[in-house]
Amino acid sequence: MKKTKQTNLESLRKQIDKIDSQLAKLLVKRFDLVEIIGQVKLENKISVVDRNREQEIVDRLLAETDLDKRFVAQLFSVIFKESRKQQRRKK
């Protein structure tokens, strides 16, 4: 690979690294809120699972972006699963 192409690739990868770090930090914030929500649900005897809310989130994100529907559904399935797991720890 030529020097300029290699430099450009490195620069692009550094940008992706920054975005990945931002995504991870946002997930930490999200899961902090999930813990609080889990406590509220526990105190009010509300089910941890709320499929309607999950579907609303996916639908909203699909409307706001041009990301692939299947990708968004799979990505947030993992996020929702971890969120439910964290909320159940509160019990």
N, C-alpha and C. Protein backbone atom coordinates (compact mmCIF):
# COMPACT_ATOMS: atom_id res chain seq x y z
N MET A 1 0.85 -1.18 0.00
CA MET A 1 0.00 0.00 0.00
C MET A 1 0.89 1.24 0.00
N LYS A 2 0.53 2.22 -0.78
CA LYS A 2 1.32 3.45 -0.84
C LYS A 2 1.20 4.22 0.47
N LYS A 3 2.20 5.04 0.71
CA LYS A 3 2.28 5.80 1.96
C LYS A 3 1.03 6.66 2.19
N THR A 4 0.57 7.37 1.17
CA THR A 4 -0.59 8.24 1.35
C THR A 4 -1.85 7.43 1.62
N LYS A 5 -2.00 6.32 0.94
CA LYS A 5 -3.16 5.46 1.20
C LYS A 5 -3.11 4.88 2.60
N GLN A 6 -1.91 4.48 3.04
CA GLN A 6 -1.74 3.93 4.39
C GLN A 6 -2.05 4.99 5.43
N THR A 7 -1.56 6.22 5.21
CA THR A 7 -1.82 7.31 6.13
C THR A 7 -3.31 7.61 6.19
N ASN A 8 -3.96 7.62 5.04
CA ASN A 8 -5.40 7.87 4.99
C ASN A 8 -6.16 6.76 5.73
N LEU A 9 -5.75 5.52 5.53
CA LEU A 9 -6.38 4.39 6.22
C LEU A 9 -6.21 4.52 7.73
N GLU A 10 -5.04 4.88 8.16
CA GLU A 10 -4.78 5.05 9.59
C GLU A 10 -5.65 6.17 10.16
N SER A 11 -5.77 7.25 9.43
CA SER A 11 -6.60 8.37 9.86
C SER A 11 -8.07 7.96 9.98
N LEU A 12 -8.54 7.23 9.00
CA LEU A 12 -9.92 6.76 9.03
C LEU A 12 -10.14 5.80 10.20
N ARG A 13 -9.18 4.94 10.44
CA ARG A 13 -9.30 4.00 11.57
C ARG A 13 -9.30 4.73 12.90
N LYS A 14 -8.51 5.79 13.02
CA LYS A 14 -8.50 6.57 14.26
C LYS A 14 -9.87 7.22 14.48
N GLN A 15 -10.50 7.67 13.41
CA GLN A 15 -11.84 8.24 13.52
C GLN A 15 -12.85 7.19 13.99
N ILE A 16 -12.72 5.99 13.42
CA ILE A 16 -13.60 4.89 13.84
C ILE A 16 -13.35 4.54 15.30
N ASP A 17 -12.08 4.53 15.72
CA ASP A 17 -11.75 4.24 17.12
C ASP A 17 -12.43 5.24 18.05
N LYS A 18 -12.42 6.51 17.68
CA LYS A 18 -13.07 7.54 18.50
C LYS A 18 -14.58 7.30 18.57
N ILE A 19 -15.17 6.97 17.45
CA ILE A 19 -16.61 6.70 17.41
C ILE A 19 -16.93 5.47 18.26
N ASP A 20 -16.11 4.43 18.16
CA ASP A 20 -16.32 3.23 18.97
C ASP A 20 -16.26 3.56 20.46
N SER A 21 -15.32 4.41 20.85
CA SER A 21 -15.22 4.82 22.25
C SER A 21 -16.46 5.60 22.68
N GLN A 22 -16.96 6.46 21.81
CA GLN A 22 -18.18 7.22 22.11
C GLN A 22 -19.37 6.28 22.26
N LEU A 23 -19.47 5.30 21.37
CA LEU A 23 -20.56 4.32 21.46
C LEU A 23 -20.52 3.57 22.79
N ALA A 24 -19.33 3.14 23.18
CA ALA A 24 -19.19 2.41 24.44
C ALA A 24 -19.58 3.28 25.62
N LYS A 25 -19.16 4.54 25.63
CA LYS A 25 -19.50 5.45 26.71
C LYS A 25 -21.01 5.71 26.75
N LEU A 26 -21.63 5.81 25.60
CA LEU A 26 -23.09 5.99 25.55
C LEU A 26 -23.81 4.76 26.08
N LEU A 27 -23.29 3.58 25.79
CA LEU A 27 -23.89 2.37 26.34
C LEU A 27 -23.78 2.33 27.86
N VAL A 28 -22.65 2.79 28.39
CA VAL A 28 -22.50 2.85 29.85
C VAL A 28 -23.57 3.77 30.43
N LYS A 29 -23.77 4.94 29.82
CA LYS A 29 -24.81 5.87 30.29
C LYS A 29 -26.19 5.23 30.20
N ARG A 30 -26.44 4.53 29.08
CA ARG A 30 -27.73 3.88 28.89
C ARG A 30 -27.97 2.84 29.99
N PHE A 31 -26.96 2.03 30.28
CA PHE A 31 -27.12 0.98 31.28
C PHE A 31 -27.20 1.56 32.70
N ASP A 32 -26.60 2.71 32.93
CA ASP A 32 -26.80 3.39 34.22
C ASP A 32 -28.28 3.74 34.40
N LEU A 33 -28.89 4.26 33.34
CA LEU A 33 -30.31 4.59 33.39
C LEU A 33 -31.17 3.34 33.51
N VAL A 34 -30.75 2.27 32.85
CA VAL A 34 -31.47 1.00 32.92
C VAL A 34 -31.54 0.51 34.36
N GLU A 35 -30.45 0.67 35.10
CA GLU A 35 -30.45 0.24 36.51
C GLU A 35 -31.48 1.03 37.32
N ILE A 36 -31.56 2.32 37.07
CA ILE A 36 -32.54 3.15 37.78
C ILE A 36 -33.95 2.73 37.39
N ILE A 37 -34.16 2.50 36.10
CA ILE A 37 -35.47 2.04 35.63
C ILE A 37 -35.82 0.71 36.27
N GLY A 38 -34.85 -0.17 36.38
CA GLY A 38 -35.08 -1.47 37.03
C GLY A 38 -35.55 -1.30 38.46
N GLN A 39 -34.98 -0.36 39.17
CA GLN A 39 -35.38 -0.10 40.55
C GLN A 39 -36.81 0.44 40.60
N VAL A 40 -37.14 1.36 39.71
CA VAL A 40 -38.50 1.91 39.65
C VAL A 40 -39.51 0.81 39.33
N LYS A 41 -39.15 -0.05 38.39
CA LYS A 41 -40.05 -1.15 38.04
C LYS A 41 -40.25 -2.09 39.22
N LEU A 42 -39.18 -2.37 39.93
CA LEU A 42 -39.26 -3.25 41.10
C LEU A 42 -40.16 -2.64 42.17
N GLU A 43 -39.95 -1.38 42.46
CA GLU A 43 -40.75 -0.70 43.49
C GLU A 43 -42.23 -0.63 43.12
N ASN A 44 -42.52 -0.57 41.83
CA ASN A 44 -43.91 -0.43 41.37
C ASN A 44 -44.49 -1.73 40.81
N LYS A 45 -43.74 -2.81 41.02
CA LYS A 45 -44.18 -4.14 40.57
C LYS A 45 -44.55 -4.15 39.08
N ILE A 46 -43.67 -3.56 38.28
CA ILE A 46 -43.83 -3.51 36.83
C ILE A 46 -42.90 -4.54 36.21
N SER A 47 -43.38 -5.25 35.23
CA SER A 47 -42.58 -6.28 34.55
C SER A 47 -41.32 -5.67 33.93
N VAL A 48 -40.23 -6.41 34.01
CA VAL A 48 -38.99 -6.00 33.38
C VAL A 48 -39.15 -5.95 31.86
N VAL A 49 -39.87 -6.91 31.32
CA VAL A 49 -40.03 -7.02 29.86
C VAL A 49 -41.17 -6.12 29.41
N ASP A 50 -40.86 -5.27 28.43
CA ASP A 50 -41.87 -4.40 27.81
C ASP A 50 -41.63 -4.41 26.31
N ARG A 51 -42.18 -5.42 25.66
CA ARG A 51 -41.97 -5.60 24.22
C ARG A 51 -42.50 -4.42 23.41
N ASN A 52 -43.59 -3.80 23.87
CA ASN A 52 -44.12 -2.64 23.15
C ASN A 52 -43.11 -1.50 23.14
N ARG A 53 -42.50 -1.25 24.29
CA ARG A 53 -41.48 -0.20 24.39
C ARG A 53 -40.28 -0.53 23.51
N GLU A 54 -39.87 -1.76 23.51
CA GLU A 54 -38.74 -2.17 22.68
C GLU A 54 -39.06 -1.94 21.21
N GLN A 55 -40.25 -2.32 20.79
CA GLN A 55 -40.64 -2.13 19.39
C GLN A 55 -40.73 -0.64 19.03
N GLU A 56 -41.22 0.17 19.97
CA GLU A 56 -41.27 1.62 19.74
C GLU A 56 -39.87 2.19 19.50
N ILE A 57 -38.91 1.72 20.26
CA ILE A 57 -37.53 2.19 20.10
C ILE A 57 -36.99 1.82 18.72
N VAL A 58 -37.16 0.56 18.34
CA VAL A 58 -36.68 0.11 17.03
C VAL A 58 -37.38 0.89 15.92
N ASP A 59 -38.69 1.04 16.02
CA ASP A 59 -39.43 1.78 14.99
C ASP A 59 -38.95 3.22 14.88
N ARG A 60 -38.73 3.87 16.02
CA ARG A 60 -38.26 5.25 16.02
C ARG A 60 -36.89 5.37 15.36
N LEU A 61 -35.99 4.45 15.71
CA LEU A 61 -34.65 4.49 15.13
C LEU A 61 -34.66 4.23 13.64
N LEU A 62 -35.53 3.35 13.21
CA LEU A 62 -35.65 3.09 11.77
C LEU A 62 -36.19 4.32 11.05
N ALA A 63 -37.09 5.04 11.67
CA ALA A 63 -37.65 6.25 11.07
C ALA A 63 -36.62 7.39 11.03
N GLU A 64 -35.72 7.41 12.01
CA GLU A 64 -34.74 8.49 12.12
C GLU A 64 -33.47 8.26 11.30
N THR A 65 -33.25 7.02 10.88
CA THR A 65 -32.01 6.70 10.17
C THR A 65 -32.33 5.90 8.91
N ASP A 66 -31.32 5.70 8.12
CA ASP A 66 -31.50 4.81 6.97
C ASP A 66 -30.73 3.51 7.17
N LEU A 67 -30.59 3.12 8.43
CA LEU A 67 -29.94 1.85 8.74
C LEU A 67 -30.84 0.69 8.33
N ASP A 68 -30.23 -0.42 8.04
CA ASP A 68 -30.95 -1.63 7.65
C ASP A 68 -31.83 -2.11 8.81
N LYS A 69 -33.07 -2.43 8.48
CA LYS A 69 -34.05 -2.85 9.49
C LYS A 69 -33.56 -4.06 10.28
N ARG A 70 -33.04 -5.04 9.59
CA ARG A 70 -32.57 -6.26 10.25
C ARG A 70 -31.40 -5.97 11.19
N PHE A 71 -30.49 -5.11 10.72
CA PHE A 71 -29.34 -4.74 11.55
C PHE A 71 -29.80 -4.06 12.84
N VAL A 72 -30.69 -3.09 12.73
CA VAL A 72 -31.19 -2.37 13.91
C VAL A 72 -31.88 -3.34 14.86
N ALA A 73 -32.70 -4.22 14.32
CA ALA A 73 -33.42 -5.18 15.16
C ALA A 73 -32.43 -6.10 15.89
N GLN A 74 -31.41 -6.57 15.20
CA GLN A 74 -30.43 -7.46 15.83
C GLN A 74 -29.59 -6.73 16.87
N LEU A 75 -29.14 -5.54 16.53
CA LEU A 75 -28.32 -4.76 17.45
C LEU A 75 -29.09 -4.46 18.73
N PHE A 76 -30.31 -3.99 18.58
CA PHE A 76 -31.06 -3.62 19.77
C PHE A 76 -31.61 -4.83 20.51
N SER A 77 -31.72 -5.94 19.84
CA SER A 77 -32.07 -7.17 20.55
C SER A 77 -31.01 -7.49 21.60
N VAL A 78 -29.76 -7.33 21.24
CA VAL A 78 -28.65 -7.56 22.17
C VAL A 78 -28.69 -6.52 23.30
N ILE A 79 -28.92 -5.28 22.95
CA ILE A 79 -28.98 -4.21 23.96
C ILE A 79 -30.15 -4.44 24.90
N PHE A 80 -31.31 -4.80 24.36
CA PHE A 80 -32.48 -5.04 25.21
C PHE A 80 -32.26 -6.24 26.13
N LYS A 81 -31.63 -7.27 25.60
CA LYS A 81 -31.36 -8.46 26.41
C LYS A 81 -30.48 -8.10 27.60
N GLU A 82 -29.43 -7.33 27.36
CA GLU A 82 -28.54 -6.91 28.45
C GLU A 82 -29.28 -5.98 29.41
N SER A 83 -30.14 -5.13 28.89
CA SER A 83 -30.92 -4.22 29.75
C SER A 83 -31.82 -5.00 30.68
N ARG A 84 -32.52 -6.01 30.14
CA ARG A 84 -33.39 -6.84 30.98
C ARG A 84 -32.58 -7.58 32.04
N LYS A 85 -31.41 -8.08 31.65
CA LYS A 85 -30.53 -8.79 32.58
C LYS A 85 -30.13 -7.87 33.74
N GLN A 86 -29.77 -6.65 33.41
CA GLN A 86 -29.37 -5.70 34.45
C GLN A 86 -30.54 -5.32 35.35
N GLN A 87 -31.72 -5.18 34.76
CA GLN A 87 -32.90 -4.85 35.57
C GLN A 87 -33.26 -5.99 36.51
N ARG A 88 -33.10 -7.21 36.07
CA ARG A 88 -33.43 -8.37 36.91
C ARG A 88 -32.46 -8.50 38.08
N ARG A 89 -31.27 -8.00 37.95
CA ARG A 89 -30.30 -8.03 39.05
C ARG A 89 -30.77 -7.23 40.24
N LYS A 90 -31.66 -6.30 40.02
CA LYS A 90 -32.16 -5.43 41.09
C LYS A 90 -33.09 -6.19 42.04
N LYS A 91 -33.61 -7.33 41.60
CA LYS A 91 -34.58 -8.07 42.42
C LYS A 91 -33.87 -8.81 43.53
